[in-house]
Protein backbone atom coordinates (compact mmCIF):
# COMPACT_ATOMS: atom_id res chain seq x y z
CA UNK A 1 58.64 89.99 66.56
CA UNK A 2 61.73 90.28 68.52
CA UNK A 3 61.74 88.53 72.08
CA UNK A 4 64.47 88.87 74.74
CA UNK A 5 66.49 85.51 73.89
CA UNK A 6 66.50 85.11 78.06
CA UNK A 7 62.73 84.56 77.73
CA UNK A 8 62.96 81.88 74.83
CA UNK A 9 66.43 80.53 76.63
CA UNK A 10 64.05 79.90 79.68
CA UNK A 11 61.13 78.07 78.17
CA UNK A 12 63.13 76.14 76.40
CA UNK A 13 65.32 74.69 78.75
CA UNK A 14 62.71 74.47 81.67
CA UNK A 15 65.09 77.06 83.79
CA UNK A 16 64.97 80.16 85.38
CA UNK A 17 67.54 82.90 83.49
CA UNK A 18 69.03 85.29 86.10
CA UNK A 19 68.36 88.03 83.64
CA UNK A 20 64.61 87.06 83.01
CA UNK A 21 62.47 90.31 84.07
CA UNK A 22 59.68 89.86 86.88
CA UNK A 23 57.24 90.51 84.02
CA UNK A 24 58.95 87.91 81.73
CA UNK A 25 58.29 85.92 84.85
CA UNK A 26 54.48 86.38 84.37
CA UNK A 27 52.03 85.19 82.11
CA UNK A 28 51.47 88.89 80.99
CA UNK A 29 55.07 88.66 79.88
CA UNK A 30 54.52 85.45 77.91
CA UNK A 31 51.20 86.43 76.18
CA UNK A 32 52.54 88.18 73.32
CA UNK A 33 54.92 85.49 72.17
CA UNK A 34 51.61 83.02 72.43
CA UNK A 35 50.07 85.68 70.43
CA UNK A 36 52.52 86.08 67.51
CA UNK A 37 52.94 82.06 67.10
CA UNK A 38 49.15 81.29 67.31
CA UNK A 39 47.67 84.09 66.42
CA UNK A 40 43.78 84.10 67.43
CA UNK A 41 44.46 81.20 69.90
CA UNK A 42 42.27 81.21 73.12
CA UNK A 43 43.23 79.97 76.42
CA UNK A 44 41.45 82.05 78.93
CA UNK A 45 41.94 80.38 82.19
CA UNK A 46 45.34 79.55 84.08
CA UNK A 47 44.65 75.96 83.27
CA UNK A 48 44.74 76.51 79.66
CA UNK A 49 47.49 78.87 79.60
CA UNK A 50 49.68 76.03 81.00
CA UNK A 51 48.40 73.54 78.43
CA UNK A 52 49.21 75.79 75.95
CA UNK A 53 52.67 76.42 77.21
CA UNK A 54 53.42 72.49 77.60
CA UNK A 55 51.04 70.99 74.47
CA UNK A 56 52.00 73.68 71.94
CA UNK A 57 54.91 76.91 72.96
CA UNK A 58 57.60 74.79 74.25
CA UNK A 59 57.78 72.33 71.36
CA UNK A 60 57.64 75.29 69.03
CA UNK A 61 60.34 76.77 70.48
CA UNK A 62 62.76 73.69 70.60
CA UNK A 63 61.98 73.38 67.06
CA UNK A 64 62.50 76.33 66.11
CA UNK A 65 65.70 77.11 68.50
CA UNK A 66 67.27 73.75 69.11
CA UNK A 67 70.76 75.63 69.38
CA UNK A 68 69.30 77.39 72.58
CA UNK A 69 69.00 73.99 74.62
CA UNK A 70 72.68 73.34 73.96
CA UNK A 71 73.98 76.73 75.20
CA UNK A 72 74.49 77.57 78.88
CA UNK A 73 73.09 80.28 81.15
CA UNK A 74 76.27 82.65 80.71
CA UNK A 75 75.87 82.24 76.90
CA UNK A 76 72.79 84.13 77.20
CA UNK A 77 72.93 87.90 77.67
CA UNK A 78 70.53 90.20 78.49
CA UNK A 79 70.74 91.99 75.16
CA UNK A 80 69.92 89.14 73.00
CA UNK A 81 67.21 88.93 70.73
CA UNK A 82 65.67 86.56 68.82
CA UNK A 83 63.13 86.95 66.17
CA UNK A 84 60.04 85.10 66.29
CA UNK A 85 57.61 83.94 63.64
CA UNK A 86 53.91 83.03 63.58
CA UNK A 87 53.84 78.93 63.56
CA UNK A 88 50.15 77.96 63.06
CA UNK A 89 46.80 80.23 63.52
CA UNK A 90 44.10 78.79 65.75
CA UNK A 91 40.64 79.86 65.46
CA UNK A 92 39.73 80.12 69.34
CA UNK A 93 39.68 77.04 71.25
CA UNK A 94 40.71 74.93 67.86
CA UNK A 95 44.37 73.89 69.91
CA UNK A 96 41.91 71.76 71.76
CA UNK A 97 38.97 70.74 70.32
CA UNK A 98 39.84 70.17 66.68
CA UNK A 99 41.78 67.06 65.56
CA UNK A 100 42.40 68.96 62.05
CA UNK A 101 44.35 71.51 63.69
CA UNK A 102 46.08 68.79 65.99
CA UNK A 103 47.20 67.07 63.06
CA UNK A 104 48.54 69.86 60.90
CA UNK A 105 49.95 71.29 64.30
CA UNK A 106 51.98 68.02 64.26
CA UNK A 107 52.80 68.01 60.69
CA UNK A 108 54.54 71.49 61.04
CA UNK A 109 56.29 70.06 64.58
CA UNK A 110 57.35 66.97 62.56
CA UNK A 111 58.98 68.56 59.26
CA UNK A 112 62.79 69.60 58.50
């Protein structure tokens, strides 16, 4: 899956990129990214969405794209795309309920 780099940059840097679309600023705009990174994941509430973003998505994106932490907003153009790969499958709420899943997640996150 390809994703606009402005969205990834915004999530990694916790900043609003001026080129984000209105849709990318909403939960619906981020859901495809979450589904690609963590196929099968469930988080059916606004609170759950926030937890998935903070506990899973943002750390993974920082790991996958550390170079985006060093780039300024002006270095990211609206045409830039970033390829997103699956990080770890989650069977529903496994990301919340399973210490085994969290152990595997942390192991992958720490890997070089």
